[in-house]
Structures are given as structure tokens and as C-alpha cells.
Amino acid sequence: MLRLLRELSWPEMRHHAWRWLSAWFAVVLGVALAFAVHLINQSALGEFSAAVRSVSGQPDFAGKVVMVSGRAAGAPPARVAAVTLGAGQPRVAL
């Protein structure tokens, strides 16, 4: 196999170096273009999915509070104790 490559392909490549180089460059550009189209399609699909979720009323982010021994996990006890609700409006005293 290497003998055929050495006897047939290499002389042809040396004789037509610019033709071989331009063909190689065209293949590289084609692969790069296909990858760019793939990335653009994935981005458009993500944006479309986000728009559909927004129109249907689903939240972008949903959090869940985990209570550990009477206070929210990860919150300092002083700040948790200072949270008050008055007149239907949440307020946090610092």
C-alpha cells in the first residue's frame, strides 16, 4: 500500500501541488461550513424552544427551597429570621 502511495500519489501531488492544496483547502472549508450550520441550527432550535415555553407560560427557572431544621438550607439563620410578610408584599430586613 505504501509502495503504491509512493509511486502513484506522491509524484502526482508534487506535480500538481496547487491543485492538491486547493482541493484539501476546499474539503477543510466544507467541514467548517457544515459545523457552523450545525451550531446555528442548534442555537435556533434552543431559541425556538425558549419562545414556545415563554408563550405557553412555563417559567425560565424554577427553584425549590429545602428546609433543614427550621431554616432554608444554605441561608444564614439571622437573615431567615428577619424575613417578614406584611400587607401581601414580601419584605426582607437586613
PDB file of N, CA and C in Angstrom:
ATOM      1  N   MET A   1       0.823  -1.192   0.000  1.00  0.00           N
ATOM      2  CA  MET A   1       0.000   0.000   0.000  1.00  0.00           C
ATOM      3  C   MET A   1       0.867   1.255   0.000  1.00  0.00           C
ATOM      4  N   LEU A   2       1.872   1.267   0.857  1.00  0.00           N
ATOM      5  CA  LEU A   2       2.766   2.427   0.872  1.00  0.00           C
ATOM      6  C   LEU A   2       3.550   2.544  -0.433  1.00  0.00           C
ATOM      7  N   ARG A   3       3.834   1.404  -1.050  1.00  0.00           N
ATOM      8  CA  ARG A   3       4.542   1.426  -2.325  1.00  0.00           C
ATOM      9  C   ARG A   3       3.711   2.122  -3.395  1.00  0.00           C
ATOM     10  N   LEU A   4       2.401   1.795  -3.441  1.00  0.00           N
ATOM     11  CA  LEU A   4       1.519   2.459  -4.404  1.00  0.00           C
ATOM     12  C   LEU A   4       1.402   3.949  -4.109  1.00  0.00           C
ATOM     13  N   LEU A   5       1.322   4.289  -2.847  1.00  0.00           N
ATOM     14  CA  LEU A   5       1.258   5.703  -2.473  1.00  0.00           C
ATOM     15  C   LEU A   5       2.512   6.435  -2.920  1.00  0.00           C
ATOM     16  N   ARG A   6       3.648   5.822  -2.680  1.00  0.00           N
ATOM     17  CA  ARG A   6       4.919   6.439  -3.043  1.00  0.00           C
ATOM     18  C   ARG A   6       5.085   6.546  -4.557  1.00  0.00           C
ATOM     19  N   GLU A   7       4.632   5.529  -5.307  1.00  0.00           N
ATOM     20  CA  GLU A   7       4.854   5.520  -6.754  1.00  0.00           C
ATOM     21  C   GLU A   7       3.797   6.276  -7.541  1.00  0.00           C
ATOM     22  N   LEU A   8       2.570   6.352  -7.028  1.00  0.00           N
ATOM     23  CA  LEU A   8       1.499   6.984  -7.797  1.00  0.00           C
ATOM     24  C   LEU A   8       1.040   8.325  -7.224  1.00  0.00           C
ATOM     25  N   SER A   9       0.756   8.349  -5.947  1.00  0.00           N
ATOM     26  CA  SER A   9       0.145   9.548  -5.365  1.00  0.00           C
ATOM     27  C   SER A   9       1.142  10.671  -5.139  1.00  0.00           C
ATOM     28  N   TRP A  10       2.300  10.367  -4.563  1.00  0.00           N
ATOM     29  CA  TRP A  10       3.249  11.427  -4.265  1.00  0.00           C
ATOM     30  C   TRP A  10       3.755  12.144  -5.519  1.00  0.00           C
ATOM     31  N   PRO A  11       4.110  11.447  -6.594  1.00  0.00           N
ATOM     32  CA  PRO A  11       4.527  12.183  -7.794  1.00  0.00           C
ATOM     33  C   PRO A  11       3.407  13.071  -8.345  1.00  0.00           C
ATOM     34  N   GLU A  12       2.171  12.562  -8.294  1.00  0.00           N
ATOM     35  CA  GLU A  12       1.042  13.371  -8.775  1.00  0.00           C
ATOM     36  C   GLU A  12       0.859  14.599  -7.892  1.00  0.00           C
ATOM     37  N   MET A  13       0.994  14.414  -6.589  1.00  0.00           N
ATOM     38  CA  MET A  13       0.831  15.536  -5.679  1.00  0.00           C
ATOM     39  C   MET A  13       1.947  16.567  -5.887  1.00  0.00           C
ATOM     40  N   ARG A  14       3.166  16.125  -6.099  1.00  0.00           N
ATOM     41  CA  ARG A  14       4.260  17.070  -6.329  1.00  0.00           C
ATOM     42  C   ARG A  14       4.105  17.789  -7.657  1.00  0.00           C
ATOM     43  N   HIS A  15       3.583  17.072  -8.653  1.00  0.00           N
ATOM     44  CA  HIS A  15       3.429  17.676  -9.981  1.00  0.00           C
ATOM     45  C   HIS A  15       2.306  18.712  -9.989  1.00  0.00           C
ATOM     46  N   HIS A  16       1.255  18.453  -9.245  1.00  0.00           N
ATOM     47  CA  HIS A  16       0.103  19.368  -9.193  1.00  0.00           C
ATOM     48  C   HIS A  16      -0.120  19.816  -7.749  1.00  0.00           C
ATOM     49  N   ALA A  17       0.870  20.462  -7.182  1.00  0.00           N
ATOM     50  CA  ALA A  17       0.811  20.840  -5.768  1.00  0.00           C
ATOM     51  C   ALA A  17      -0.330  21.822  -5.493  1.00  0.00           C
ATOM     52  N   TRP A  18      -0.496  22.816  -6.340  1.00  0.00           N
ATOM     53  CA  TRP A  18      -1.557  23.806  -6.106  1.00  0.00           C
ATOM     54  C   TRP A  18      -2.938  23.186  -6.230  1.00  0.00           C
ATOM     55  N   ARG A  19      -3.107  22.262  -7.149  1.00  0.00           N
ATOM     56  CA  ARG A  19      -4.398  21.593  -7.308  1.00  0.00           C
ATOM     57  C   ARG A  19      -4.715  20.755  -6.076  1.00  0.00           C
ATOM     58  N   TRP A  20      -3.701  20.031  -5.565  1.00  0.00           N
ATOM     59  CA  TRP A  20      -3.898  19.211  -4.378  1.00  0.00           C
ATOM     60  C   TRP A  20      -4.185  20.083  -3.153  1.00  0.00           C
ATOM     61  N   LEU A  21      -3.441  21.188  -3.027  1.00  0.00           N
ATOM     62  CA  LEU A  21      -3.631  22.082  -1.898  1.00  0.00           C
ATOM     63  C   LEU A  21      -5.002  22.753  -1.943  1.00  0.00           C
ATOM     64  N   SER A  22      -5.445  23.172  -3.117  1.00  0.00           N
ATOM     65  CA  SER A  22      -6.762  23.802  -3.206  1.00  0.00           C
ATOM     66  C   SER A  22      -7.885  22.793  -2.940  1.00  0.00           C
ATOM     67  N   ALA A  23      -7.729  21.548  -3.354  1.00  0.00           N
ATOM     68  CA  ALA A  23      -8.731  20.520  -3.058  1.00  0.00           C
ATOM     69  C   ALA A  23      -8.785  20.240  -1.556  1.00  0.00           C
ATOM     70  N   TRP A  24      -7.622  20.158  -0.915  1.00  0.00           N
ATOM     71  CA  TRP A  24      -7.569  19.938   0.526  1.00  0.00           C
ATOM     72  C   TRP A  24      -8.214  21.105   1.276  1.00  0.00           C
ATOM     73  N   PHE A  25      -7.929  22.325   0.832  1.00  0.00           N
ATOM     74  CA  PHE A  25      -8.496  23.524   1.455  1.00  0.00           C
ATOM     75  C   PHE A  25     -10.014  23.553   1.268  1.00  0.00           C
ATOM     76  N   ALA A  26     -10.513  23.129   0.109  1.00  0.00           N
ATOM     77  CA  ALA A  26     -11.963  23.087  -0.131  1.00  0.00           C
ATOM     78  C   ALA A  26     -12.640  22.090   0.805  1.00  0.00           C
ATOM     79  N   VAL A  27     -12.005  20.965   1.055  1.00  0.00           N
ATOM     80  CA  VAL A  27     -12.573  19.983   1.986  1.00  0.00           C
ATOM     81  C   VAL A  27     -12.599  20.551   3.397  1.00  0.00           C
ATOM     82  N   VAL A  28     -11.533  21.203   3.805  1.00  0.00           N
ATOM     83  CA  VAL A  28     -11.485  21.797   5.145  1.00  0.00           C
ATOM     84  C   VAL A  28     -12.563  22.864   5.287  1.00  0.00           C
ATOM     85  N   LEU A  29     -12.735  23.704   4.296  1.00  0.00           N
ATOM     86  CA  LEU A  29     -13.786  24.735   4.353  1.00  0.00           C
ATOM     87  C   LEU A  29     -15.173  24.115   4.375  1.00  0.00           C
ATOM     88  N   GLY A  30     -15.370  23.029   3.644  1.00  0.00           N
ATOM     89  CA  GLY A  30     -16.663  22.357   3.645  1.00  0.00           C
ATOM     90  C   GLY A  30     -17.012  21.788   5.013  1.00  0.00           C
ATOM     91  N   VAL A  31     -16.038  21.197   5.674  1.00  0.00           N
ATOM     92  CA  VAL A  31     -16.273  20.656   7.017  1.00  0.00           C
ATOM     93  C   VAL A  31     -16.561  21.791   7.988  1.00  0.00           C
ATOM     94  N   ALA A  32     -15.814  22.881   7.899  1.00  0.00           N
ATOM     95  CA  ALA A  32     -16.047  24.026   8.782  1.00  0.00           C
ATOM     96  C   ALA A  32     -17.433  24.628   8.541  1.00  0.00           C
ATOM     97  N   LEU A  33     -17.855  24.720   7.299  1.00  0.00           N
ATOM     98  CA  LEU A  33     -19.172  25.250   6.980  1.00  0.00           C
ATOM     99  C   LEU A  33     -20.269  24.342   7.515  1.00  0.00           C
ATOM    100  N   ALA A  34     -20.112  23.045   7.375  1.00  0.00           N
ATOM    101  CA  ALA A  34     -21.106  22.104   7.901  1.00  0.00           C
ATOM    102  C   ALA A  34     -21.203  22.219   9.420  1.00  0.00           C
ATOM    103  N   PHE A  35     -20.077  22.368  10.102  1.00  0.00           N
ATOM    104  CA  PHE A  35     -20.093  22.530  11.556  1.00  0.00           C
ATOM    105  C   PHE A  35     -20.760  23.847  11.951  1.00  0.00           C
ATOM    106  N   ALA A  36     -20.501  24.923  11.210  1.00  0.00           N
ATOM    107  CA  ALA A  36     -21.133  26.217  11.506  1.00  0.00           C
ATOM    108  C   ALA A  36     -22.643  26.138  11.323  1.00  0.00           C
ATOM    109  N   VAL A  37     -23.101  25.477  10.273  1.00  0.00           N
ATOM    110  CA  VAL A  37     -24.542  25.305  10.056  1.00  0.00           C
ATOM    111  C   VAL A  37     -25.155  24.496  11.190  1.00  0.00           C
ATOM    112  N   HIS A  38     -24.455  23.471  11.648  1.00  0.00           N
ATOM    113  CA  HIS A  38     -24.936  22.666  12.770  1.00  0.00           C
ATOM    114  C   HIS A  38     -25.088  23.524  14.030  1.00  0.00           C
ATOM    115  N   LEU A  39     -24.092  24.353  14.330  1.00  0.00           N
ATOM    116  CA  LEU A  39     -24.167  25.220  15.515  1.00  0.00           C
ATOM    117  C   LEU A  39     -25.295  26.230  15.401  1.00  0.00           C
ATOM    118  N   ILE A  40     -25.493  26.802  14.229  1.00  0.00           N
ATOM    119  CA  ILE A  40     -26.569  27.778  14.032  1.00  0.00           C
ATOM    120  C   ILE A  40     -27.924  27.107  14.184  1.00  0.00           C
ATOM    121  N   ASN A  41     -28.073  25.904  13.654  1.00  0.00           N
ATOM    122  CA  ASN A  41     -29.344  25.190  13.799  1.00  0.00           C
ATOM    123  C   ASN A  41     -29.633  24.852  15.254  1.00  0.00           C
ATOM    124  N   GLN A  42     -28.609  24.436  16.006  1.00  0.00           N
ATOM    125  CA  GLN A  42     -28.812  24.133  17.421  1.00  0.00           C
ATOM    126  C   GLN A  42     -29.210  25.387  18.194  1.00  0.00           C
ATOM    127  N   SER A  43     -28.590  26.516  17.883  1.00  0.00           N
ATOM    128  CA  SER A  43     -28.930  27.769  18.543  1.00  0.00           C
ATOM    129  C   SER A  43     -30.354  28.197  18.207  1.00  0.00           C
ATOM    130  N   ALA A  44     -30.735  28.083  16.953  1.00  0.00           N
ATOM    131  CA  ALA A  44     -32.096  28.455  16.552  1.00  0.00           C
ATOM    132  C   ALA A  44     -33.127  27.543  17.201  1.00  0.00           C
ATOM    133  N   LEU A  45     -32.825  26.261  17.311  1.00  0.00           N
ATOM    134  CA  LEU A  45     -33.745  25.334  17.963  1.00  0.00           C
ATOM    135  C   LEU A  45     -33.899  25.674  19.440  1.00  0.00           C
ATOM    136  N   GLY A  46     -32.818  26.028  20.099  1.00  0.00           N
ATOM    137  CA  GLY A  46     -32.880  26.430  21.502  1.00  0.00           C
ATOM    138  C   GLY A  46     -33.699  27.689  21.702  1.00  0.00           C
ATOM    139  N   GLU A  47     -33.508  28.671  20.824  1.00  0.00           N
ATOM    140  CA  GLU A  47     -34.279  29.914  20.924  1.00  0.00           C
ATOM    141  C   GLU A  47     -35.756  29.667  20.645  1.00  0.00           C
ATOM    142  N   PHE A  48     -36.052  28.813  19.679  1.00  0.00           N
ATOM    143  CA  PHE A  48     -37.445  28.500  19.372  1.00  0.00           C
ATOM    144  C   PHE A  48     -38.102  27.785  20.546  1.00  0.00           C
ATOM    145  N   SER A  49     -37.384  26.846  21.159  1.00  0.00           N
ATOM    146  CA  SER A  49     -37.925  26.135  22.314  1.00  0.00           C
ATOM    147  C   SER A  49     -38.177  27.096  23.474  1.00  0.00           C
ATOM    148  N   ALA A  50     -37.270  28.029  23.693  1.00  0.00           N
ATOM    149  CA  ALA A  50     -37.453  29.020  24.761  1.00  0.00           C
ATOM    150  C   ALA A  50     -38.662  29.900  24.475  1.00  0.00           C
ATOM    151  N   ALA A  51     -38.862  30.275  23.223  1.00  0.00           N
ATOM    152  CA  ALA A  51     -40.024  31.101  22.869  1.00  0.00           C
ATOM    153  C   ALA A  51     -41.323  30.335  23.075  1.00  0.00           C
ATOM    154  N   VAL A  52     -41.343  29.058  22.727  1.00  0.00           N
ATOM    155  CA  VAL A  52     -42.545  28.246  22.920  1.00  0.00           C
ATOM    156  C   VAL A  52     -42.850  28.100  24.406  1.00  0.00           C
ATOM    157  N   ARG A  53     -41.814  27.871  25.227  1.00  0.00           N
ATOM    158  CA  ARG A  53     -42.027  27.774  26.678  1.00  0.00           C
ATOM    159  C   ARG A  53     -42.529  29.097  27.242  1.00  0.00           C
ATOM    160  N   SER A  54     -42.002  30.206  26.741  1.00  0.00           N
ATOM    161  CA  SER A  54     -42.428  31.518  27.219  1.00  0.00           C
ATOM    162  C   SER A  54     -43.877  31.795  26.857  1.00  0.00           C
ATOM    163  N   VAL A  55     -44.274  31.461  25.645  1.00  0.00           N
ATOM    164  CA  VAL A  55     -45.651  31.689  25.203  1.00  0.00           C
ATOM    165  C   VAL A  55     -46.624  30.794  25.957  1.00  0.00           C
ATOM    166  N   SER A  56     -46.203  29.571  26.283  1.00  0.00           N
ATOM    167  CA  SER A  56     -47.091  28.658  26.987  1.00  0.00           C
ATOM    168  C   SER A  56     -47.154  28.956  28.483  1.00  0.00           C
ATOM    169  N   GLY A  57     -46.329  29.876  28.971  1.00  0.00           N
ATOM    170  CA  GLY A  57     -46.404  30.293  30.357  1.00  0.00           C
ATOM    171  C   GLY A  57     -45.508  29.537  31.305  1.00  0.00           C
ATOM    172  N   GLN A  58     -44.609  28.708  30.802  1.00  0.00           N
ATOM    173  CA  GLN A  58     -43.701  27.982  31.678  1.00  0.00           C
ATOM    174  C   GLN A  58     -42.570  28.912  32.120  1.00  0.00           C
ATOM    175  N   PRO A  59     -42.121  28.800  33.368  1.00  0.00           N
ATOM    176  CA  PRO A  59     -41.048  29.690  33.841  1.00  0.00           C
ATOM    177  C   PRO A  59     -39.700  29.303  33.238  1.00  0.00           C
ATOM    178  N   ASP A  60     -38.812  30.287  33.144  1.00  0.00           N
ATOM    179  CA  ASP A  60     -37.456  30.018  32.666  1.00  0.00           C
ATOM    180  C   ASP A  60     -36.655  29.260  33.709  1.00  0.00           C
ATOM    181  N   PHE A  61     -36.919  29.551  34.969  1.00  0.00           N
ATOM    182  CA  PHE A  61     -36.189  28.917  36.059  1.00  0.00           C
ATOM    183  C   PHE A  61     -37.158  28.653  37.197  1.00  0.00           C
ATOM    184  N   ALA A  62     -37.074  27.501  37.764  1.00  0.00           N
ATOM    185  CA  ALA A  62     -37.920  27.160  38.908  1.00  0.00           C
ATOM    186  C   ALA A  62     -37.011  26.688  40.034  1.00  0.00           C
ATOM    187  N   GLY A  63     -37.111  27.356  41.182  1.00  0.00           N
ATOM    188  CA  GLY A  63     -36.284  26.999  42.328  1.00  0.00           C
ATOM    189  C   GLY A  63     -37.100  26.233  43.354  1.00  0.00           C
ATOM    190  N   LYS A  64     -36.409  25.528  44.204  1.00  0.00           N
ATOM    191  CA  LYS A  64     -37.054  24.768  45.255  1.00  0.00           C
ATOM    192  C   LYS A  64     -36.306  25.028  46.553  1.00  0.00           C
ATOM    193  N   VAL A  65     -37.032  25.432  47.602  1.00  0.00           N
ATOM    194  CA  VAL A  65     -36.426  25.703  48.892  1.00  0.00           C
ATOM    195  C   VAL A  65     -36.432  24.414  49.703  1.00  0.00           C
ATOM    196  N   VAL A  66     -35.290  24.075  50.234  1.00  0.00           N
ATOM    197  CA  VAL A  66     -35.160  22.889  51.075  1.00  0.00           C
ATOM    198  C   VAL A  66     -34.997  23.370  52.509  1.00  0.00           C
ATOM    199  N   MET A  67     -35.871  22.921  53.386  1.00  0.00           N
ATOM    200  CA  MET A  67     -35.813  23.318  54.785  1.00  0.00           C
ATOM    201  C   MET A  67     -34.978  22.313  55.564  1.00  0.00           C
ATOM    202  N   VAL A  68     -34.009  22.823  56.319  1.00  0.00           N
ATOM    203  CA  VAL A  68     -33.165  21.996  57.166  1.00  0.00           C
ATOM    204  C   VAL A  68     -33.293  22.530  58.589  1.00  0.00           C
ATOM    205  N   SER A  69     -33.893  21.760  59.448  1.00  0.00           N
ATOM    206  CA  SER A  69     -34.097  22.096  60.865  1.00  0.00           C
ATOM    207  C   SER A  69     -34.674  23.500  61.044  1.00  0.00           C
ATOM    208  N   GLY A  70     -35.736  23.795  60.340  1.00  0.00           N
ATOM    209  CA  GLY A  70     -36.461  25.047  60.538  1.00  0.00           C
ATOM    210  C   GLY A  70     -35.949  26.232  59.753  1.00  0.00           C
ATOM    211  N   ARG A  71     -34.915  26.086  58.962  1.00  0.00           N
ATOM    212  CA  ARG A  71     -34.441  27.206  58.144  1.00  0.00           C
ATOM    213  C   ARG A  71     -34.052  26.700  56.757  1.00  0.00           C
ATOM    214  N   ALA A  72     -33.998  27.612  55.802  1.00  0.00           N
ATOM    215  CA  ALA A  72     -33.645  27.239  54.430  1.00  0.00           C
ATOM    216  C   ALA A  72     -32.190  26.803  54.381  1.00  0.00           C
ATOM    217  N   ALA A  73     -31.918  25.751  53.632  1.00  0.00           N
ATOM    218  CA  ALA A  73     -30.554  25.235  53.527  1.00  0.00           C
ATOM    219  C   ALA A  73     -29.655  26.265  52.869  1.00  0.00           C
ATOM    220  N   GLY A  74     -28.524  26.536  53.481  1.00  0.00           N
ATOM    221  CA  GLY A  74     -27.547  27.463  52.910  1.00  0.00           C
ATOM    222  C   GLY A  74     -27.779  28.904  53.293  1.00  0.00           C
ATOM    223  N   ALA A  75     -28.881  29.233  53.950  1.00  0.00           N
ATOM    224  CA  ALA A  75     -29.143  30.616  54.349  1.00  0.00           C
ATOM    225  C   ALA A  75     -28.703  30.822  55.789  1.00  0.00           C
ATOM    226  N   PRO A  76     -28.126  31.977  56.101  1.00  0.00           N
ATOM    227  CA  PRO A  76     -27.739  32.248  57.489  1.00  0.00           C
ATOM    228  C   PRO A  76     -28.986  32.389  58.362  1.00  0.00           C
ATOM    229  N   PRO A  77     -28.953  31.913  59.600  1.00  0.00           N
ATOM    230  CA  PRO A  77     -30.136  31.965  60.464  1.00  0.00           C
ATOM    231  C   PRO A  77     -30.651  33.375  60.710  1.00  0.00           C
ATOM    232  N   ALA A  78     -29.766  34.377  60.807  1.00  0.00           N
ATOM    233  CA  ALA A  78     -30.214  35.744  61.107  1.00  0.00           C
ATOM    234  C   ALA A  78     -31.074  36.297  59.977  1.00  0.00           C
ATOM    235  N   ARG A  79     -30.696  36.046  58.757  1.00  0.00           N
ATOM    236  CA  ARG A  79     -31.467  36.574  57.633  1.00  0.00           C
ATOM    237  C   ARG A  79     -32.782  35.828  57.463  1.00  0.00           C
ATOM    238  N   VAL A  80     -32.802  34.576  57.743  1.00  0.00           N
ATOM    239  CA  VAL A  80     -34.041  33.812  57.628  1.00  0.00           C
ATOM    240  C   VAL A  80     -35.039  34.312  58.653  1.00  0.00           C
ATOM    241  N   ALA A  81     -34.585  34.624  59.857  1.00  0.00           N
ATOM    242  CA  ALA A  81     -35.472  35.100  60.914  1.00  0.00           C
ATOM    243  C   ALA A  81     -35.999  36.491  60.609  1.00  0.00           C
ATOM    244  N   ALA A  82     -35.287  37.270  59.800  1.00  0.00           N
ATOM    245  CA  ALA A  82     -35.686  38.645  59.545  1.00  0.00           C
ATOM    246  C   ALA A  82     -36.699  38.771  58.412  1.00  0.00           C
ATOM    247  N   VAL A  83     -37.028  37.701  57.744  1.00  0.00           N
ATOM    248  CA  VAL A  83     -37.982  37.764  56.644  1.00  0.00           C
ATOM    249  C   VAL A  83     -39.383  37.912  57.220  1.00  0.00           C
ATOM    250  N   THR A  84     -40.085  38.949  56.781  1.00  0.00           N
ATOM    251  CA  THR A  84     -41.450  39.179  57.255  1.00  0.00           C
ATOM    252  C   THR A  84     -42.361  39.407  56.069  1.00  0.00           C
ATOM    253  N   LEU A  85     -43.624  39.098  56.232  1.00  0.00           N
ATOM    254  CA  LEU A  85     -44.625  39.356  55.213  1.00  0.00           C
ATOM    255  C   LEU A  85     -45.648  40.309  55.792  1.00  0.00           C
ATOM    256  N   GLY A  86     -45.884  41.381  55.086  1.00  0.00           N
ATOM    257  CA  GLY A  86     -46.853  42.346  55.559  1.00  0.00           C
ATOM    258  C   GLY A  86     -47.648  42.902  54.409  1.00  0.00           C
ATOM    259  N   ALA A  87     -48.942  42.964  54.542  1.00  0.00           N
ATOM    260  CA  ALA A  87     -49.849  43.529  53.551  1.00  0.00           C
ATOM    261  C   ALA A  87     -49.680  42.859  52.183  1.00  0.00           C
ATOM    262  N   GLY A  88     -49.354  41.574  52.164  1.00  0.00           N
ATOM    263  CA  GLY A  88     -49.249  40.849  50.914  1.00  0.00           C
ATOM    264  C   GLY A  88     -48.010  41.113  50.118  1.00  0.00           C
ATOM    265  N   GLN A  89     -47.052  41.871  50.682  1.00  0.00           N
ATOM    266  CA  GLN A  89     -45.815  42.158  49.977  1.00  0.00           C
ATOM    267  C   GLN A  89     -44.648  41.563  50.760  1.00  0.00           C
ATOM    268  N   PRO A  90     -43.826  40.747  50.137  1.00  0.00           N
ATOM    269  CA  PRO A  90     -42.689  40.195  50.857  1.00  0.00           C
ATOM    270  C   PRO A  90     -41.631  41.259  51.125  1.00  0.00           C
ATOM    271  N   ARG A  91     -41.064  41.236  52.327  1.00  0.00           N
ATOM    272  CA  ARG A  91     -40.015  42.181  52.692  1.00  0.00           C
ATOM    273  C   ARG A  91     -38.921  41.428  53.425  1.00  0.00           C
ATOM    274  N   VAL A  92     -37.691  41.875  53.215  1.00  0.00           N
ATOM    275  CA  VAL A  92     -36.558  41.280  53.898  1.00  0.00           C
ATOM    276  C   VAL A  92     -35.836  42.386  54.634  1.00  0.00           C
ATOM    277  N   ALA A  93     -35.688  42.243  55.936  1.00  0.00           N
ATOM    278  CA  ALA A  93     -34.979  43.226  56.737  1.00  0.00           C
ATOM    279  C   ALA A  93     -33.544  42.749  56.905  1.00  0.00           C
ATOM    280  N   LEU A  94     -32.617  43.628  56.567  1.00  0.00           N
ATOM    281  CA  LEU A  94     -31.200  43.267  56.686  1.00  0.00           C
ATOM    282  C   LEU A  94     -30.586  43.900  57.900  1.00  0.00           C
TER     283      LEU A  94
END
